[in-house]
Amino acid sequence: MKLASLPQGRDGRLIVVSNDLAWYADADHIVPTMQALLDAWDRHAPRLEALAIELEHEAIPRKRFHEREAAAPLPRAFQWADGSAYVNHVELVRKARGAELPASFWTDPLMYQGGSDDLRGARDPLVLPDEAWGGDFEAEVVVVTGDVAQGACREDALAAIRLVGLVNDVSLRGLIPDELAKGFGFVQSKPASHFSPVFATPDALGDAWREGKLHRRLSVDLNGKAFGRLEAGEECTFDFGTLVAHLAKTRRVGAGAIIGSGTVSNCDADGSPGRPVSEGGRGYACIAEQRMVEQILHGKASTPFLHHGDTVRIDMTDAHGHTIFGAIEQVVVAA
C-alpha cells in the first residue's frame, strides 16, 4: 500500500496512491490524516488496504495523482530522528579532518533529533537565505513507526515500522562547525527536511525490503547531471530495527515517529573512498562527501556547495525502472 497527503490544514488530507503513482483515491472518509492512521493503525490499515486493492482494479472513483501537488506525507510529526546507518560516511568525515574513527561507531549508532514541526514536500523549494551558509542536500531512506515500547528489542522495533520513504535532510555546512563546537548538537544548521511524495508499507516493497534495509538504488542528480547512483542496501551497518531500538532504549517512541538512515554512502569495491559517477563510481548522496574525498585525495575540496538556482533530484526506482516513492525535486531559492 502506498499513501500520500494532499495539502489541507496543518496535517494534510490522506489519500491512497496506486502502485505506479498514476492514480489516487480519497481516504479521508476512513481516516482523515496520516497521523490519525498511525495512531490507530490496526483499526484503519485493513480498510485502507482494501481501498488500495479497489484502486488497482479500477473498482472505485479515482483521480490523477501528480507528485508536484503532494505535501510531505507527514507535514508535521511528533519526532524526527536521524541516524548514522552508513558508517563509511562518518569515517570519511573524520578522515578528511585527520581524526580517527572510534571503534564504538561500528557498534553503537549516532543519532540526533531534528525539527519535526515543519516537514516539507518534495517539490517545495529548498530555501537557502545565504549561500555562505554552505547549503547541502543529504539523500536518505526513512521509516515511520507505530508505538514502540521503551527498551524494545531489534525484532520488536522492526515490527513497529509502518512506512518507508525518502528524505532530503538539508544541511547548512557553514554553520555546523560552530554549533558542534558548543557541544550541544545541531539546531540552526539543520533546516526543514523534504520528503518523498509517497510513503509505502514494507510489504509493498517486495523483496527490496529485507532484514530492515531497503535494497534499491538511490539516484541523486544535481543540475540535471548524475551525482549519486548508490546502493542503499549495501554498506548499511545498522538496519532500521537497530536504529529504532536505539531510539527506544530509554523511552517510549510514539506513533508517527520518523527515523532516518543518515546519508547513504558507498565506497569503491577495493574499499577506497567512492568516486564520482563521471569517473565510473557510484558517486555521493551529499556534496560534503565528495568534498571530503577531494580533501583526502588531493588535499583540497573543490566542489562548491549549493547556489541559488541549482536543482536537486532524489529518486529510487524498482526493478522495472519505475519510481517507488516519487521524486524529491527542488530548486534552491533565496527566500
C-alpha atoms as a PDB file:
ATOM      1  CA  MET A   1       0.000   0.000   0.000  1.00  0.00           C
ATOM      2  CA  LYS A   2       1.218   3.492  -0.904  1.00  0.00           C
ATOM      3  CA  LEU A   3      -0.013   6.585   0.883  1.00  0.00           C
ATOM      4  CA  ALA A   4       0.348  10.339   0.494  1.00  0.00           C
ATOM      5  CA  SER A   5      -1.065  13.590   1.825  1.00  0.00           C
ATOM      6  CA  LEU A   6      -2.537  16.461  -0.125  1.00  0.00           C
ATOM      7  CA  PRO A   7      -2.282  19.973   1.337  1.00  0.00           C
ATOM      8  CA  GLN A   8      -5.132  20.694   3.739  1.00  0.00           C
ATOM      9  CA  GLY A   9      -4.847  22.369   7.117  1.00  0.00           C
ATOM     10  CA  ARG A  10      -1.777  21.645   9.190  1.00  0.00           C
ATOM     11  CA  ASP A  11      -1.694  17.858   8.769  1.00  0.00           C
ATOM     12  CA  GLY A  12      -2.799  17.289   5.171  1.00  0.00           C
ATOM     13  CA  ARG A  13      -5.520  15.041   3.801  1.00  0.00           C
ATOM     14  CA  LEU A  14      -4.799  11.330   3.474  1.00  0.00           C
ATOM     15  CA  ILE A  15      -5.028   9.563   0.105  1.00  0.00           C
ATOM     16  CA  VAL A  16      -4.214   6.082  -1.171  1.00  0.00           C
ATOM     17  CA  VAL A  17      -1.989   6.053  -4.264  1.00  0.00           C
ATOM     18  CA  SER A  18      -1.743   3.356  -6.931  1.00  0.00           C
ATOM     19  CA  ASN A  19       1.440   1.304  -7.160  1.00  0.00           C
ATOM     20  CA  ASP A  20       2.502   3.103 -10.338  1.00  0.00           C
ATOM     21  CA  LEU A  21       1.800   6.510  -8.712  1.00  0.00           C
ATOM     22  CA  ALA A  22      -0.563   7.418 -11.550  1.00  0.00           C
ATOM     23  CA  TRP A  23      -3.850   7.498  -9.621  1.00  0.00           C
ATOM     24  CA  TYR A  24      -5.204   8.135  -6.170  1.00  0.00           C
ATOM     25  CA  ALA A  25      -8.370   7.612  -4.172  1.00  0.00           C
ATOM     26  CA  ASP A  26      -9.551   9.774  -1.304  1.00  0.00           C
ATOM     27  CA  ALA A  27      -9.113   8.075   2.060  1.00  0.00           C
ATOM     28  CA  ASP A  28     -10.316  10.768   4.442  1.00  0.00           C
ATOM     29  CA  HIS A  29     -13.737   9.110   4.759  1.00  0.00           C
ATOM     30  CA  ILE A  30     -11.898   6.278   6.513  1.00  0.00           C
ATOM     31  CA  VAL A  31      -9.284   8.284   8.409  1.00  0.00           C
ATOM     32  CA  PRO A  32      -8.570  11.975   7.793  1.00  0.00           C
ATOM     33  CA  THR A  33      -4.794  12.248   8.166  1.00  0.00           C
ATOM     34  CA  MET A  34      -1.630  10.168   8.105  1.00  0.00           C
ATOM     35  CA  GLN A  35      -1.073  10.806  11.806  1.00  0.00           C
ATOM     36  CA  ALA A  36      -4.594   9.648  12.681  1.00  0.00           C
ATOM     37  CA  LEU A  37      -3.905   6.468  10.722  1.00  0.00           C
ATOM     38  CA  LEU A  38      -0.646   5.849  12.594  1.00  0.00           C
ATOM     39  CA  ASP A  39      -2.372   6.459  15.924  1.00  0.00           C
ATOM     40  CA  ALA A  40      -4.852   3.654  15.204  1.00  0.00           C
ATOM     41  CA  TRP A  41      -3.069   1.571  12.565  1.00  0.00           C
ATOM     42  CA  ASP A  42      -4.617  -1.807  13.376  1.00  0.00           C
ATOM     43  CA  ARG A  43      -8.106  -0.341  13.082  1.00  0.00           C
ATOM     44  CA  HIS A  44      -7.713   1.648   9.877  1.00  0.00           C
ATOM     45  CA  ALA A  45      -4.989  -0.086   7.851  1.00  0.00           C
ATOM     46  CA  PRO A  46      -7.109  -3.103   6.767  1.00  0.00           C
ATOM     47  CA  ARG A  47      -9.782  -0.792   5.316  1.00  0.00           C
ATOM     48  CA  LEU A  48      -7.153   1.242   3.520  1.00  0.00           C
ATOM     49  CA  GLU A  49      -5.593  -1.938   2.137  1.00  0.00           C
ATOM     50  CA  ALA A  50      -8.995  -2.882   0.734  1.00  0.00           C
ATOM     51  CA  LEU A  51      -9.303   0.602  -0.765  1.00  0.00           C
ATOM     52  CA  ALA A  52      -5.868   0.224  -2.359  1.00  0.00           C
ATOM     53  CA  ILE A  53      -6.890  -3.062  -3.963  1.00  0.00           C
ATOM     54  CA  GLU A  54     -10.054  -1.489  -5.327  1.00  0.00           C
ATOM     55  CA  LEU A  55      -7.984   1.375  -6.713  1.00  0.00           C
ATOM     56  CA  GLU A  56      -5.649  -1.032  -8.518  1.00  0.00           C
ATOM     57  CA  HIS A  57      -8.644  -2.810 -10.059  1.00  0.00           C
ATOM     58  CA  GLU A  58     -10.326   0.491 -11.043  1.00  0.00           C
ATOM     59  CA  ALA A  59     -13.342  -0.530  -8.970  1.00  0.00           C
ATOM     60  CA  ILE A  60     -13.747   2.889  -7.310  1.00  0.00           C
ATOM     61  CA  PRO A  61     -13.618   6.508  -8.492  1.00  0.00           C
ATOM     62  CA  ARG A  62     -10.045   7.606  -8.989  1.00  0.00           C
ATOM     63  CA  LYS A  63      -8.183  10.805  -9.738  1.00  0.00           C
ATOM     64  CA  ARG A  64      -4.860  11.571 -11.371  1.00  0.00           C
ATOM     65  CA  PHE A  65      -2.001  11.714  -8.890  1.00  0.00           C
ATOM     66  CA  HIS A  66       0.520  14.471  -9.513  1.00  0.00           C
ATOM     67  CA  GLU A  67       3.647  14.320  -7.374  1.00  0.00           C
ATOM     68  CA  ARG A  68       4.026  18.093  -7.510  1.00  0.00           C
ATOM     69  CA  GLU A  69       0.708  18.535  -5.675  1.00  0.00           C
ATOM     70  CA  ALA A  70       1.599  16.356  -2.699  1.00  0.00           C
ATOM     71  CA  ALA A  71       2.554  17.705   0.699  1.00  0.00           C
ATOM     72  CA  ALA A  72       5.010  15.838   2.890  1.00  0.00           C
ATOM     73  CA  PRO A  73       3.266  12.562   3.833  1.00  0.00           C
ATOM     74  CA  LEU A  74       3.515  13.790   7.433  1.00  0.00           C
ATOM     75  CA  PRO A  75       3.536  17.610   7.242  1.00  0.00           C
ATOM     76  CA  ARG A  76       4.457  17.652  10.926  1.00  0.00           C
ATOM     77  CA  ALA A  77       5.432  14.761  13.156  1.00  0.00           C
ATOM     78  CA  PHE A  78       5.874  14.111  16.840  1.00  0.00           C
ATOM     79  CA  GLN A  79       9.502  13.161  16.262  1.00  0.00           C
ATOM     80  CA  TRP A  80      12.166  13.238  13.536  1.00  0.00           C
ATOM     81  CA  ALA A  81      15.396  11.486  14.490  1.00  0.00           C
ATOM     82  CA  ASP A  82      18.252  10.861  12.100  1.00  0.00           C
ATOM     83  CA  GLY A  83      20.709   8.008  12.494  1.00  0.00           C
ATOM     84  CA  SER A  84      24.073   7.003  11.047  1.00  0.00           C
ATOM     85  CA  ALA A  85      23.488   3.688   9.319  1.00  0.00           C
ATOM     86  CA  TYR A  86      26.302   4.249   6.811  1.00  0.00           C
ATOM     87  CA  VAL A  87      29.480   4.395   8.855  1.00  0.00           C
ATOM     88  CA  ASN A  88      31.502   4.886   5.661  1.00  0.00           C
ATOM     89  CA  HIS A  89      30.118   8.433   5.550  1.00  0.00           C
ATOM     90  CA  VAL A  90      31.097   9.153   9.159  1.00  0.00           C
ATOM     91  CA  GLU A  91      34.552   7.639   8.611  1.00  0.00           C
ATOM     92  CA  LEU A  92      35.179   9.926   5.620  1.00  0.00           C
ATOM     93  CA  VAL A  93      34.117  12.977   7.638  1.00  0.00           C
ATOM     94  CA  ARG A  94      36.676  12.194  10.312  1.00  0.00           C
ATOM     95  CA  LYS A  95      39.395  11.098   7.917  1.00  0.00           C
ATOM     96  CA  ALA A  96      39.113  14.367   5.976  1.00  0.00           C
ATOM     97  CA  ARG A  97      40.000  16.292   9.148  1.00  0.00           C
ATOM     98  CA  GLY A  98      42.697  13.832  10.231  1.00  0.00           C
ATOM     99  CA  ALA A  99      40.727  12.216  13.049  1.00  0.00           C
ATOM    100  CA  GLU A 100      40.448   8.521  13.844  1.00  0.00           C
ATOM    101  CA  LEU A 101      37.039   6.822  13.861  1.00  0.00           C
ATOM    102  CA  PRO A 102      36.248   5.456  17.356  1.00  0.00           C
ATOM    103  CA  ALA A 103      35.692   1.698  17.266  1.00  0.00           C
ATOM    104  CA  SER A 104      32.338   2.150  19.031  1.00  0.00           C
ATOM    105  CA  PHE A 105      30.922   3.859  15.923  1.00  0.00           C
ATOM    106  CA  TRP A 106      30.697   0.416  14.277  1.00  0.00           C
ATOM    107  CA  THR A 107      28.544  -0.981  17.078  1.00  0.00           C
ATOM    108  CA  ASP A 108      26.625   1.982  18.523  1.00  0.00           C
ATOM    109  CA  PRO A 109      24.743   4.262  16.094  1.00  0.00           C
ATOM    110  CA  LEU A 110      24.993   8.025  16.132  1.00  0.00           C
ATOM    111  CA  MET A 111      21.629   9.791  16.211  1.00  0.00           C
ATOM    112  CA  TYR A 112      20.321  13.334  16.568  1.00  0.00           C
ATOM    113  CA  GLN A 113      16.837  14.847  16.830  1.00  0.00           C
ATOM    114  CA  GLY A 114      15.813  17.311  14.146  1.00  0.00           C
ATOM    115  CA  GLY A 115      12.904  19.714  13.918  1.00  0.00           C
ATOM    116  CA  SER A 116       9.645  17.923  13.133  1.00  0.00           C
ATOM    117  CA  ASP A 117       7.142  20.784  13.227  1.00  0.00           C
ATOM    118  CA  ASP A 118       7.817  21.895   9.632  1.00  0.00           C
ATOM    119  CA  LEU A 119       8.306  18.954   7.267  1.00  0.00           C
ATOM    120  CA  ARG A 120       8.167  19.943   3.626  1.00  0.00           C
ATOM    121  CA  GLY A 121       7.020  18.403   0.376  1.00  0.00           C
ATOM    122  CA  ALA A 122       9.098  17.002  -2.441  1.00  0.00           C
ATOM    123  CA  ARG A 123       8.549  19.944  -4.795  1.00  0.00           C
ATOM    124  CA  ASP A 124       8.751  22.722  -2.232  1.00  0.00           C
ATOM    125  CA  PRO A 125      11.758  24.951  -2.940  1.00  0.00           C
ATOM    126  CA  LEU A 126      14.925  24.419  -0.961  1.00  0.00           C
ATOM    127  CA  VAL A 127      15.224  27.754   0.833  1.00  0.00           C
ATOM    128  CA  LEU A 128      18.808  28.949   1.294  1.00  0.00           C
ATOM    129  CA  PRO A 129      18.785  32.573   2.511  1.00  0.00           C
ATOM    130  CA  ASP A 130      22.576  32.901   2.381  1.00  0.00           C
ATOM    131  CA  GLU A 131      24.852  30.889   0.062  1.00  0.00           C
ATOM    132  CA  ALA A 132      27.690  31.412   2.571  1.00  0.00           C
ATOM    133  CA  TRP A 133      25.865  29.049   4.916  1.00  0.00           C
ATOM    134  CA  GLY A 134      27.015  26.121   2.752  1.00  0.00           C
ATOM    135  CA  GLY A 135      23.727  24.579   1.670  1.00  0.00           C
ATOM    136  CA  ASP A 136      23.874  20.844   1.027  1.00  0.00           C
ATOM    137  CA  PHE A 137      21.451  18.010   0.344  1.00  0.00           C
ATOM    138  CA  GLU A 138      21.543  14.620   2.066  1.00  0.00           C
ATOM    139  CA  ALA A 139      19.680  11.780   0.367  1.00  0.00           C
ATOM    140  CA  GLU A 140      18.434   9.196   2.834  1.00  0.00           C
ATOM    141  CA  VAL A 141      15.908   6.443   3.463  1.00  0.00           C
ATOM    142  CA  VAL A 142      13.374   6.974   6.263  1.00  0.00           C
ATOM    143  CA  VAL A 143      10.872   4.855   8.145  1.00  0.00           C
ATOM    144  CA  VAL A 144       7.789   5.808  10.154  1.00  0.00           C
ATOM    145  CA  THR A 145       6.845   3.816  13.232  1.00  0.00           C
ATOM    146  CA  GLY A 146       3.821   2.931  15.236  1.00  0.00           C
ATOM    147  CA  ASP A 147       4.149   2.917  19.033  1.00  0.00           C
ATOM    148  CA  VAL A 148       7.403   1.357  20.253  1.00  0.00           C
ATOM    149  CA  ALA A 149       7.830   0.272  23.876  1.00  0.00           C
ATOM    150  CA  GLN A 150      10.750   1.530  25.923  1.00  0.00           C
ATOM    151  CA  GLY A 151      13.582  -0.973  25.754  1.00  0.00           C
ATOM    152  CA  ALA A 152      12.170  -2.737  22.679  1.00  0.00           C
ATOM    153  CA  CYS A 153      14.461  -5.301  21.103  1.00  0.00           C
ATOM    154  CA  ARG A 154      15.501  -5.037  17.451  1.00  0.00           C
ATOM    155  CA  GLU A 155      12.847  -7.514  16.288  1.00  0.00           C
ATOM    156  CA  ASP A 156      10.008  -5.694  18.056  1.00  0.00           C
ATOM    157  CA  ALA A 157      11.281  -2.342  16.782  1.00  0.00           C
ATOM    158  CA  LEU A 158      11.401  -3.713  13.239  1.00  0.00           C
ATOM    159  CA  ALA A 159       7.833  -4.982  13.539  1.00  0.00           C
ATOM    160  CA  ALA A 160       6.697  -1.477  14.538  1.00  0.00           C
ATOM    161  CA  ILE A 161       7.793   0.047  11.212  1.00  0.00           C
ATOM    162  CA  ARG A 162       4.690   1.074   9.284  1.00  0.00           C
ATOM    163  CA  LEU A 163       6.000   3.070   6.316  1.00  0.00           C
ATOM    164  CA  VAL A 164       9.156   3.637   4.271  1.00  0.00           C
ATOM    165  CA  GLY A 165      10.159   6.639   2.143  1.00  0.00           C
ATOM    166  CA  LEU A 166      12.933   9.053   1.171  1.00  0.00           C
ATOM    167  CA  VAL A 167      14.128  12.374   2.576  1.00  0.00           C
ATOM    168  CA  ASN A 168      16.396  15.239   1.642  1.00  0.00           C
ATOM    169  CA  ASP A 169      17.827  16.050   5.053  1.00  0.00           C
ATOM    170  CA  VAL A 170      19.104  19.539   4.218  1.00  0.00           C
ATOM    171  CA  SER A 171      22.293  20.692   5.951  1.00  0.00           C
ATOM    172  CA  LEU A 172      23.977  24.075   6.265  1.00  0.00           C
ATOM    173  CA  ARG A 173      27.615  23.025   6.319  1.00  0.00           C
ATOM    174  CA  GLY A 174      28.918  26.501   7.032  1.00  0.00           C
ATOM    175  CA  LEU A 175      27.006  26.661  10.304  1.00  0.00           C
ATOM    176  CA  ILE A 176      27.732  23.137  11.577  1.00  0.00           C
ATOM    177  CA  PRO A 177      31.284  23.603  12.958  1.00  0.00           C
ATOM    178  CA  ASP A 178      30.384  26.445  15.318  1.00  0.00           C
ATOM    179  CA  GLU A 179      27.298  24.596  16.566  1.00  0.00           C
ATOM    180  CA  LEU A 180      29.175  21.352  17.201  1.00  0.00           C
ATOM    181  CA  ALA A 181      31.940  23.283  18.932  1.00  0.00           C
ATOM    182  CA  LYS A 182      29.390  24.224  21.589  1.00  0.00           C
ATOM    183  CA  GLY A 183      28.967  20.526  22.346  1.00  0.00           C
ATOM    184  CA  PHE A 184      25.194  20.660  22.142  1.00  0.00           C
ATOM    185  CA  GLY A 185      24.240  19.374  18.692  1.00  0.00           C
ATOM    186  CA  PHE A 186      22.549  20.674  15.557  1.00  0.00           C
ATOM    187  CA  VAL A 187      19.876  23.393  15.581  1.00  0.00           C
ATOM    188  CA  GLN A 188      20.336  26.243  13.113  1.00  0.00           C
ATOM    189  CA  SER A 189      22.464  24.102  10.788  1.00  0.00           C
ATOM    190  CA  LYS A 190      19.596  21.659  10.184  1.00  0.00           C
ATOM    191  CA  PRO A 191      16.672  23.483   8.496  1.00  0.00           C
ATOM    192  CA  ALA A 192      13.450  21.903   7.254  1.00  0.00           C
ATOM    193  CA  SER A 193      13.722  18.451   5.650  1.00  0.00           C
ATOM    194  CA  HIS A 194      11.896  17.494   2.439  1.00  0.00           C
ATOM    195  CA  PHE A 195      10.179  14.133   1.980  1.00  0.00           C
ATOM    196  CA  SER A 196       9.217  11.974  -0.985  1.00  0.00           C
ATOM    197  CA  PRO A 197       5.638  12.455  -2.263  1.00  0.00           C
ATOM    198  CA  VAL A 198       4.663   8.919  -1.245  1.00  0.00           C
ATOM    199  CA  PHE A 199       5.450   6.561   1.613  1.00  0.00           C
ATOM    200  CA  ALA A 200       4.964   2.800   1.175  1.00  0.00           C
ATOM    201  CA  THR A 201       4.248  -0.032   3.579  1.00  0.00           C
ATOM    202  CA  PRO A 202       7.146  -2.508   3.826  1.00  0.00           C
ATOM    203  CA  ASP A 203       5.123  -5.284   2.170  1.00  0.00           C
ATOM    204  CA  ALA A 204       4.553  -3.053  -0.880  1.00  0.00           C
ATOM    205  CA  LEU A 205       8.328  -3.055  -1.469  1.00  0.00           C
ATOM    206  CA  GLY A 206       8.528  -6.817  -2.007  1.00  0.00           C
ATOM    207  CA  ASP A 207      11.978  -8.371  -1.648  1.00  0.00           C
ATOM    208  CA  ALA A 208      13.587  -4.919  -1.850  1.00  0.00           C
ATOM    209  CA  TRP A 209      12.745  -4.625   1.862  1.00  0.00           C
ATOM    210  CA  ARG A 210      14.527  -7.305   3.834  1.00  0.00           C
ATOM    211  CA  GLU A 211      16.312  -7.526   7.165  1.00  0.00           C
ATOM    212  CA  GLY A 212      15.329  -3.963   7.947  1.00  0.00           C
ATOM    213  CA  LYS A 213      17.099  -2.495   4.922  1.00  0.00           C
ATOM    214  CA  LEU A 214      15.907  -1.133   1.567  1.00  0.00           C
ATOM    215  CA  HIS A 215      17.865  -2.832  -1.213  1.00  0.00           C
ATOM    216  CA  ARG A 216      17.410  -0.490  -4.174  1.00  0.00           C
ATOM    217  CA  ARG A 217      19.495   2.083  -5.997  1.00  0.00           C
ATOM    218  CA  LEU A 218      19.208   5.672  -4.806  1.00  0.00           C
ATOM    219  CA  SER A 219      19.664   8.220  -7.590  1.00  0.00           C
ATOM    220  CA  VAL A 220      20.800  11.789  -6.900  1.00  0.00           C
ATOM    221  CA  ASP A 221      21.076  14.425  -9.639  1.00  0.00           C
ATOM    222  CA  LEU A 222      22.496  17.940  -9.332  1.00  0.00           C
ATOM    223  CA  ASN A 223      21.566  20.364 -12.103  1.00  0.00           C
ATOM    224  CA  GLY A 224      20.461  17.511 -14.335  1.00  0.00           C
ATOM    225  CA  LYS A 225      23.707  15.533 -14.023  1.00  0.00           C
ATOM    226  CA  ALA A 226      24.199  12.265 -12.151  1.00  0.00           C
ATOM    227  CA  PHE A 227      25.729  12.975  -8.747  1.00  0.00           C
ATOM    228  CA  GLY A 228      24.990   9.676  -6.991  1.00  0.00           C
ATOM    229  CA  ARG A 229      23.938   6.172  -8.027  1.00  0.00           C
ATOM    230  CA  LEU A 230      24.151   4.464  -4.664  1.00  0.00           C
ATOM    231  CA  GLU A 231      23.072   1.048  -3.432  1.00  0.00           C
ATOM    232  CA  ALA A 232      21.057   1.722  -0.284  1.00  0.00           C
ATOM    233  CA  GLY A 233      21.198  -1.876   0.933  1.00  0.00           C
ATOM    234  CA  GLU A 234      24.977  -2.171   0.783  1.00  0.00           C
ATOM    235  CA  GLU A 235      27.385  -0.963   3.479  1.00  0.00           C
ATOM    236  CA  CYS A 236      24.393  -0.210   5.671  1.00  0.00           C
ATOM    237  CA  THR A 237      25.968  -1.004   9.026  1.00  0.00           C
ATOM    238  CA  PHE A 238      22.802  -0.527  11.092  1.00  0.00           C
ATOM    239  CA  ASP A 239      19.412  -1.745   9.879  1.00  0.00           C
ATOM    240  CA  PHE A 240      16.262   0.164  10.780  1.00  0.00           C
ATOM    241  CA  GLY A 241      15.295  -2.270  13.516  1.00  0.00           C
ATOM    242  CA  THR A 242      18.582  -1.453  15.219  1.00  0.00           C
ATOM    243  CA  LEU A 243      18.104   2.304  14.741  1.00  0.00           C
ATOM    244  CA  VAL A 244      14.563   2.285  16.130  1.00  0.00           C
ATOM    245  CA  ALA A 245      15.624   0.128  19.093  1.00  0.00           C
ATOM    246  CA  HIS A 246      18.474   2.566  19.738  1.00  0.00           C
ATOM    247  CA  LEU A 247      15.997   5.430  19.924  1.00  0.00           C
ATOM    248  CA  ALA A 248      13.719   3.439  22.234  1.00  0.00           C
ATOM    249  CA  LYS A 249      16.435   2.326  24.657  1.00  0.00           C
ATOM    250  CA  THR A 250      15.464   4.774  27.395  1.00  0.00           C
ATOM    251  CA  ARG A 251      11.977   5.985  26.383  1.00  0.00           C
ATOM    252  CA  ARG A 252       8.840   5.092  24.523  1.00  0.00           C
ATOM    253  CA  VAL A 253       8.622   6.096  20.857  1.00  0.00           C
ATOM    254  CA  GLY A 254       5.224   7.392  19.805  1.00  0.00           C
ATOM    255  CA  ALA A 255       3.298   6.509  16.671  1.00  0.00           C
ATOM    256  CA  GLY A 256       4.304   8.787  13.816  1.00  0.00           C
ATOM    257  CA  ALA A 257       7.987   8.997  14.716  1.00  0.00           C
ATOM    258  CA  ILE A 258      10.213   9.346  11.631  1.00  0.00           C
ATOM    259  CA  ILE A 259      13.699   7.814  11.728  1.00  0.00           C
ATOM    260  CA  GLY A 260      16.298   8.457   9.023  1.00  0.00           C
ATOM    261  CA  SER A 261      19.156   6.266   7.880  1.00  0.00           C
ATOM    262  CA  GLY A 262      21.671   9.072   7.650  1.00  0.00           C
ATOM    263  CA  THR A 263      23.401   9.882   4.363  1.00  0.00           C
ATOM    264  CA  VAL A 264      23.564   6.835   2.089  1.00  0.00           C
ATOM    265  CA  SER A 265      27.221   6.113   1.337  1.00  0.00           C
ATOM    266  CA  ASN A 266      29.192   3.543  -0.652  1.00  0.00           C
ATOM    267  CA  CYS A 267      32.922   3.077  -1.061  1.00  0.00           C
ATOM    268  CA  ASP A 268      34.613   1.523  -4.088  1.00  0.00           C
ATOM    269  CA  ALA A 269      34.912  -2.225  -4.466  1.00  0.00           C
ATOM    270  CA  ASP A 270      38.530  -2.104  -3.259  1.00  0.00           C
ATOM    271  CA  GLY A 271      37.484  -0.262  -0.104  1.00  0.00           C
ATOM    272  CA  SER A 272      38.831   3.120  -1.218  1.00  0.00           C
ATOM    273  CA  PRO A 273      36.698   6.277  -0.973  1.00  0.00           C
ATOM    274  CA  GLY A 274      33.936   6.357  -3.564  1.00  0.00           C
ATOM    275  CA  ARG A 275      34.498   8.003  -6.947  1.00  0.00           C
ATOM    276  CA  PRO A 276      32.221  10.458  -8.753  1.00  0.00           C
ATOM    277  CA  VAL A 277      29.702   8.976 -11.174  1.00  0.00           C
ATOM    278  CA  SER A 278      31.524  10.759 -14.005  1.00  0.00           C
ATOM    279  CA  GLU A 279      34.607   8.687 -13.187  1.00  0.00           C
ATOM    280  CA  GLY A 280      32.775   5.361 -13.107  1.00  0.00           C
ATOM    281  CA  GLY A 281      31.985   5.339  -9.401  1.00  0.00           C
ATOM    282  CA  ARG A 282      28.710   5.348  -7.517  1.00  0.00           C
ATOM    283  CA  GLY A 283      29.059   8.965  -6.531  1.00  0.00           C
ATOM    284  CA  TYR A 284      27.636  10.541  -3.415  1.00  0.00           C
ATOM    285  CA  ALA A 285      24.392  11.365  -1.623  1.00  0.00           C
ATOM    286  CA  CYS A 286      25.669  14.747  -0.438  1.00  0.00           C
ATOM    287  CA  ILE A 287      28.118  17.377  -1.640  1.00  0.00           C
ATOM    288  CA  ALA A 288      30.086  17.238   1.605  1.00  0.00           C
ATOM    289  CA  GLU A 289      31.134  13.648   0.941  1.00  0.00           C
ATOM    290  CA  GLN A 290      32.519  14.486  -2.491  1.00  0.00           C
ATOM    291  CA  ARG A 291      34.404  17.386  -0.915  1.00  0.00           C
ATOM    292  CA  MET A 292      35.788  15.075   1.785  1.00  0.00           C
ATOM    293  CA  VAL A 293      37.070  12.636  -0.836  1.00  0.00           C
ATOM    294  CA  GLU A 294      38.672  15.534  -2.703  1.00  0.00           C
ATOM    295  CA  GLN A 295      40.313  16.660   0.530  1.00  0.00           C
ATOM    296  CA  ILE A 296      41.651  13.157   1.228  1.00  0.00           C
ATOM    297  CA  LEU A 297      42.947  12.525  -2.307  1.00  0.00           C
ATOM    298  CA  HIS A 298      44.055  15.985  -3.386  1.00  0.00           C
ATOM    299  CA  GLY A 299      44.489  17.961  -0.189  1.00  0.00           C
ATOM    300  CA  LYS A 300      41.761  20.436  -1.141  1.00  0.00           C
ATOM    301  CA  ALA A 301      37.988  20.368  -1.649  1.00  0.00           C
ATOM    302  CA  SER A 302      36.886  21.866  -4.969  1.00  0.00           C
ATOM    303  CA  THR A 303      33.195  21.048  -5.444  1.00  0.00           C
ATOM    304  CA  PRO A 304      31.063  24.025  -4.344  1.00  0.00           C
ATOM    305  CA  PHE A 305      28.041  23.806  -2.104  1.00  0.00           C
ATOM    306  CA  LEU A 306      24.617  24.802  -3.414  1.00  0.00           C
ATOM    307  CA  HIS A 307      23.932  28.060  -5.223  1.00  0.00           C
ATOM    308  CA  HIS A 308      20.645  29.805  -5.845  1.00  0.00           C
ATOM    309  CA  GLY A 309      19.070  28.371  -8.993  1.00  0.00           C
ATOM    310  CA  ASP A 310      20.581  24.888  -8.555  1.00  0.00           C
ATOM    311  CA  THR A 311      18.246  21.900  -8.899  1.00  0.00           C
ATOM    312  CA  VAL A 312      18.380  18.753  -6.778  1.00  0.00           C
ATOM    313  CA  ARG A 313      16.621  15.487  -7.629  1.00  0.00           C
ATOM    314  CA  ILE A 314      16.442  12.385  -5.414  1.00  0.00           C
ATOM    315  CA  ASP A 315      14.633   9.242  -6.541  1.00  0.00           C
ATOM    316  CA  MET A 316      14.560   5.469  -6.210  1.00  0.00           C
ATOM    317  CA  THR A 317      13.262   3.030  -8.818  1.00  0.00           C
ATOM    318  CA  ASP A 318      12.088  -0.568  -8.752  1.00  0.00           C
ATOM    319  CA  ALA A 319      13.429  -3.466 -10.807  1.00  0.00           C
ATOM    320  CA  HIS A 320      11.453  -2.218 -13.817  1.00  0.00           C
ATOM    321  CA  GLY A 321      12.784   1.317 -13.603  1.00  0.00           C
ATOM    322  CA  HIS A 322       9.589   2.807 -12.159  1.00  0.00           C
ATOM    323  CA  THR A 323       9.767   5.303  -9.313  1.00  0.00           C
ATOM    324  CA  ILE A 324       8.805   3.789  -5.971  1.00  0.00           C
ATOM    325  CA  PHE A 325       8.111   6.846  -3.819  1.00  0.00           C
ATOM    326  CA  GLY A 326       8.068   9.632  -6.402  1.00  0.00           C
ATOM    327  CA  ALA A 327      10.943  12.051  -6.776  1.00  0.00           C
ATOM    328  CA  ILE A 328      12.140  14.809  -4.480  1.00  0.00           C
ATOM    329  CA  GLU A 329      12.853  17.568  -6.999  1.00  0.00           C
ATOM    330  CA  GLN A 330      13.743  21.041  -5.797  1.00  0.00           C
ATOM    331  CA  VAL A 331      15.085  24.397  -6.876  1.00  0.00           C
ATOM    332  CA  VAL A 332      17.379  26.273  -4.490  1.00  0.00           C
ATOM    333  CA  VAL A 333      15.973  29.747  -3.759  1.00  0.00           C
ATOM    334  CA  ALA A 334      16.951  32.661  -1.552  1.00  0.00           C
ATOM    335  CA  ALA A 335      13.558  33.062   0.130  1.00  0.00           C
END
